[in-house]
Amino acid sequence: MTLFDAVFLSYDEPMANSLHSRLQRTLGGTVKRLHGVHGMRRAYRLCAEVVDREQFFLADGDFAIDNGFDASGVEPLAEGVSMRVWQAVNPVNGLSYGYGGLKLIRRSALREMGEAVDVLAALPGRIEFAPQRAGITRFNQSPFHAWKAGFRECAMLARGSEYGMADDDARQRLQAWTASREGEFAAYAAAGAREGVAFTREAVRDVKQFDQLNDPVWLRERFTAAHGDQAVSG
């Protein structure tokens, strides 16, 4: 049993139901579910309104928590810290970092969130990155979902990390994403990564285009234009 509330935020991920159940079993309590909210910034802000406690776990709809994760041993966030992020294993390239990882976050920070392309980078206060792995980010559930993950992450890495990531780290992660070849639909993740970098080169002349990275309809249309109408379920 954990001292924190928990929210599972899903949109259209094929495995969302089973991953939500897995999160509940591992955390040992009820995990609230927010599903299908259009607009990433709006969805994250709504998470603050469904919890009863100031600090709560937040998991994306493609996060598969490690069954051995010990939530009872998690320390609350210190004063001035708005979020802690645990690492997640990337199933197509073997990277482990905060992308897709489990979060412990403040409700008040979400309510005061500013504007950023990588939405949670606009939280007030400091962000902690835990060195431990908490699970796997199972974004490769269909051709589209794998492509979208590569496209969005690499567009933001190529633009410049809003979390203050060192340039060398960003370059290494870009190289790993574009060379993805492990697991299901890895080729789509690699294609999305390359296309995300190309998108950033185009969008640098019109920064408002970066807002499209958080628009699921635009992302689906871009994928379909480049790769055909692949089934979302894979």
Protein backbone atom coordinates (compact mmCIF):
# COMPACT_ATOMS: atom_id res chain seq x y z
CA MET A 1 0.00 0.00 0.00
CA THR A 2 1.24 3.48 -0.88
CA LEU A 3 0.71 6.84 0.80
CA PHE A 4 0.11 8.48 -2.59
CA ASP A 5 -2.85 8.61 -4.94
CA ALA A 6 -2.25 7.36 -8.49
CA VAL A 7 -3.61 8.24 -11.94
CA PHE A 8 -3.30 6.26 -15.16
CA LEU A 9 -3.58 8.64 -18.12
CA SER A 10 -4.52 6.93 -21.38
CA TYR A 11 -5.72 8.08 -24.77
CA ASP A 12 -5.93 5.33 -27.42
CA GLU A 13 -3.25 2.79 -26.41
CA PRO A 14 -4.33 -0.77 -27.30
CA MET A 15 -2.93 -2.28 -24.08
CA ALA A 16 -4.19 0.46 -21.74
CA ASN A 17 -6.74 -1.68 -19.88
CA SER A 18 -4.27 -4.42 -19.00
CA LEU A 19 -1.52 -1.95 -18.07
CA HIS A 20 -3.94 -0.07 -15.81
CA SER A 21 -4.77 -3.33 -14.02
CA ARG A 22 -1.07 -4.15 -13.70
CA LEU A 23 -0.40 -0.75 -12.14
CA GLN A 24 -3.20 -1.28 -9.60
CA ARG A 25 -1.88 -4.70 -8.60
CA THR A 26 1.66 -3.41 -8.16
CA LEU A 27 0.82 -0.24 -6.26
CA GLY A 28 -1.65 -2.11 -4.08
CA GLY A 29 -4.55 0.32 -4.26
CA THR A 30 -7.05 2.02 -6.54
CA VAL A 31 -5.49 3.77 -9.52
CA LYS A 32 -7.80 6.37 -11.00
CA ARG A 33 -8.17 6.40 -14.78
CA LEU A 34 -8.41 9.39 -17.08
CA HIS A 35 -9.02 8.32 -20.68
CA GLY A 36 -9.48 9.87 -24.11
CA VAL A 37 -9.02 13.54 -23.19
CA HIS A 38 -8.09 15.57 -26.27
CA GLY A 39 -5.17 17.93 -25.74
CA MET A 40 -2.14 16.77 -23.77
CA ARG A 41 -1.86 19.90 -21.65
CA ARG A 42 -5.55 19.72 -20.76
CA ALA A 43 -5.29 16.02 -19.92
CA TYR A 44 -2.40 16.54 -17.52
CA ARG A 45 -4.15 19.43 -15.83
CA LEU A 46 -7.29 17.36 -15.36
CA CYS A 47 -5.22 14.75 -13.51
CA ALA A 48 -4.86 17.29 -10.71
CA GLU A 49 -8.64 17.41 -10.33
CA VAL A 50 -9.28 13.66 -9.89
CA VAL A 51 -6.90 13.09 -6.96
CA ASP A 52 -7.41 13.82 -3.28
CA ARG A 53 -3.78 14.25 -2.23
CA GLU A 54 -1.17 16.83 -3.13
CA GLN A 55 1.38 14.27 -4.34
CA PHE A 56 0.41 11.39 -6.60
CA PHE A 57 1.85 8.84 -8.99
CA LEU A 58 1.19 9.52 -12.66
CA ALA A 59 1.62 6.85 -15.34
CA ASP A 60 1.06 7.19 -19.08
CA GLY A 61 -1.23 4.76 -20.88
CA ASP A 62 1.66 2.75 -22.32
CA PHE A 63 3.67 2.36 -19.09
CA ALA A 64 4.19 -1.21 -17.85
CA ILE A 65 5.32 -1.00 -14.24
CA ASP A 66 7.91 -3.46 -12.95
CA ASN A 67 6.12 -5.91 -10.67
CA GLY A 68 8.91 -5.47 -8.14
CA PHE A 69 8.55 -1.70 -7.84
CA ASP A 70 8.20 -0.89 -4.12
CA ALA A 71 5.86 2.07 -3.86
CA SER A 72 5.77 1.82 -0.05
CA GLY A 73 9.42 2.89 0.10
CA VAL A 74 9.00 6.03 -2.02
CA GLU A 75 9.86 9.26 -0.21
CA PRO A 76 7.60 12.31 -0.71
CA LEU A 77 8.85 15.16 -2.85
CA ALA A 78 10.95 17.70 -0.99
CA GLU A 79 9.96 21.33 -0.83
CA GLY A 80 10.63 23.06 -4.15
CA VAL A 81 10.47 19.82 -6.15
CA SER A 82 7.47 19.58 -8.47
CA MET A 83 8.06 16.13 -9.97
CA ARG A 84 10.26 13.04 -9.71
CA VAL A 85 10.66 10.80 -12.77
CA TRP A 86 11.80 7.18 -12.68
CA GLN A 87 13.44 5.64 -15.72
CA ALA A 88 11.66 3.37 -18.19
CA VAL A 89 13.26 0.85 -20.53
CA ASN A 90 12.75 1.59 -24.21
CA PRO A 91 11.71 -1.66 -25.95
CA VAL A 92 13.02 -0.81 -29.43
CA ASN A 93 16.48 0.57 -28.73
CA GLY A 94 17.40 -0.44 -25.16
CA LEU A 95 17.72 3.10 -23.78
CA SER A 96 16.73 3.73 -20.16
CA TYR A 97 15.90 7.30 -19.16
CA GLY A 98 12.92 9.39 -18.11
CA TYR A 99 11.03 9.02 -21.39
CA GLY A 100 7.72 7.30 -20.61
CA GLY A 101 8.71 6.73 -17.00
CA LEU A 102 6.64 6.71 -13.81
CA LYS A 103 6.19 10.09 -12.16
CA LEU A 104 5.49 11.38 -8.66
CA ILE A 105 4.01 14.82 -9.12
CA ARG A 106 2.39 17.67 -7.22
CA ARG A 107 -1.23 18.54 -7.89
CA SER A 108 -0.48 22.23 -7.27
CA ALA A 109 2.35 22.15 -9.83
CA LEU A 110 0.01 20.87 -12.54
CA ARG A 111 -2.45 23.62 -11.74
CA GLU A 112 0.33 26.21 -12.17
CA MET A 113 1.90 24.62 -15.24
CA GLY A 114 3.21 27.01 -17.87
CA GLU A 115 3.66 26.57 -21.62
CA ALA A 116 6.15 24.15 -23.19
CA VAL A 117 6.12 21.71 -26.10
CA ASP A 118 7.18 18.91 -23.75
CA VAL A 119 4.24 19.70 -21.52
CA LEU A 120 5.54 18.66 -18.09
CA ALA A 121 8.79 20.58 -18.63
CA ALA A 122 6.75 23.70 -17.84
CA LEU A 123 6.07 22.76 -14.22
CA PRO A 124 7.14 25.32 -11.62
CA GLY A 125 9.94 24.24 -9.30
CA ARG A 126 12.64 21.60 -9.74
CA ILE A 127 12.34 18.22 -11.43
CA GLU A 128 14.20 15.19 -10.05
CA PHE A 129 15.33 12.28 -12.23
CA ALA A 130 15.64 9.06 -10.24
CA PRO A 131 18.40 6.67 -11.38
CA GLN A 132 16.22 3.59 -10.84
CA ARG A 133 14.11 1.89 -13.48
CA ALA A 134 10.41 1.57 -12.67
CA GLY A 135 9.22 -0.35 -15.75
CA ILE A 136 9.01 -0.40 -19.53
CA THR A 137 7.40 2.16 -21.81
CA ARG A 138 5.36 -0.08 -24.13
CA PHE A 139 4.70 2.50 -26.82
CA ASN A 140 5.33 -0.04 -29.59
CA GLN A 141 1.82 -1.48 -29.53
CA SER A 142 1.06 -0.72 -33.19
CA PRO A 143 2.86 0.77 -36.20
CA PHE A 144 1.29 4.16 -35.53
CA HIS A 145 2.05 4.26 -31.81
CA ALA A 146 5.68 3.24 -32.40
CA TRP A 147 6.06 5.88 -35.12
CA LYS A 148 4.42 8.58 -32.98
CA ALA A 149 6.78 7.89 -30.07
CA GLY A 150 9.87 8.19 -32.26
CA PHE A 151 8.55 11.24 -34.10
CA ARG A 152 7.60 13.28 -31.02
CA GLU A 153 10.60 12.41 -28.88
CA CYS A 154 13.18 13.00 -31.60
CA ALA A 155 11.55 16.23 -32.78
CA MET A 156 11.87 17.53 -29.21
CA LEU A 157 15.41 16.20 -28.75
CA ALA A 158 16.50 17.78 -32.03
CA ARG A 159 14.86 21.06 -31.04
CA GLY A 160 16.69 21.10 -27.70
CA SER A 161 15.56 19.40 -24.51
CA GLU A 162 13.32 21.58 -22.35
CA TYR A 163 14.58 19.65 -19.30
CA GLY A 164 18.15 20.93 -19.73
CA MET A 165 19.60 17.69 -21.10
CA ALA A 166 23.24 17.97 -22.20
CA ASP A 167 23.74 18.19 -25.98
CA ASP A 168 25.91 15.05 -26.03
CA ASP A 169 23.21 13.04 -24.23
CA ALA A 170 20.58 14.31 -26.67
CA ARG A 171 22.75 13.32 -29.66
CA GLN A 172 23.32 9.82 -28.26
CA ARG A 173 19.61 9.34 -27.72
CA LEU A 174 18.80 10.59 -31.21
CA GLN A 175 21.29 8.10 -32.66
CA ALA A 176 19.75 5.26 -30.66
CA TRP A 177 16.19 6.14 -31.67
CA THR A 178 17.01 6.42 -35.37
CA ALA A 179 18.79 3.05 -35.23
CA SER A 180 15.94 1.27 -33.40
CA ARG A 181 15.76 -2.38 -34.43
CA GLU A 182 14.62 -4.38 -31.37
CA GLY A 183 11.08 -5.45 -30.48
CA GLU A 184 7.81 -5.05 -32.32
CA PHE A 185 7.38 -2.24 -34.85
CA ALA A 186 10.95 -0.99 -34.28
CA ALA A 187 11.23 0.02 -37.92
CA TYR A 188 8.29 2.40 -37.48
CA ALA A 189 9.89 3.93 -34.38
CA ALA A 190 13.12 4.47 -36.33
CA ALA A 191 11.22 6.01 -39.25
CA GLY A 192 9.33 8.28 -36.86
CA ALA A 193 12.62 9.33 -35.26
CA ARG A 194 14.15 10.31 -38.60
CA GLU A 195 11.00 12.12 -39.68
CA GLY A 196 10.83 13.93 -36.33
CA VAL A 197 14.34 15.31 -36.84
CA ALA A 198 13.39 16.44 -40.35
CA PHE A 199 10.22 18.07 -39.00
CA THR A 200 12.29 20.09 -36.51
CA ARG A 201 14.49 21.39 -39.33
CA GLU A 202 11.33 22.58 -41.10
CA ALA A 203 9.57 23.94 -38.02
CA VAL A 204 12.51 26.00 -36.80
CA ARG A 205 11.33 28.67 -39.25
CA ASP A 206 7.84 28.69 -37.70
CA VAL A 207 7.98 27.69 -34.04
CA LYS A 208 4.19 27.51 -33.75
CA GLN A 209 4.38 24.27 -35.73
CA PHE A 210 5.84 22.56 -32.66
CA ASP A 211 2.41 22.75 -30.99
CA GLN A 212 1.29 20.10 -33.49
CA LEU A 213 3.43 17.54 -31.66
CA ASN A 214 0.68 17.44 -29.03
CA ASP A 215 -2.21 17.11 -31.51
CA PRO A 216 -3.18 13.42 -31.96
CA VAL A 217 -5.27 14.12 -35.08
CA TRP A 218 -2.40 15.92 -36.83
CA LEU A 219 0.03 13.16 -35.84
CA ARG A 220 -2.23 10.45 -37.23
CA GLU A 221 -2.68 12.35 -40.50
CA ARG A 222 1.08 12.82 -40.84
CA PHE A 223 1.68 9.12 -40.22
CA THR A 224 -0.97 8.08 -42.74
CA ALA A 225 0.42 10.44 -45.39
CA ALA A 226 3.88 8.91 -45.05
CA HIS A 227 3.12 5.24 -44.31
CA GLY A 228 -0.46 4.49 -45.31
CA ASP A 229 -3.41 3.74 -43.09
CA GLN A 230 -1.82 1.07 -40.89
CA ALA A 231 -4.16 -0.48 -38.32
CA VAL A 232 -3.79 1.14 -34.91
CA SER A 233 -4.03 -2.30 -33.28
CA GLY A 234 -1.07 -3.52 -35.35
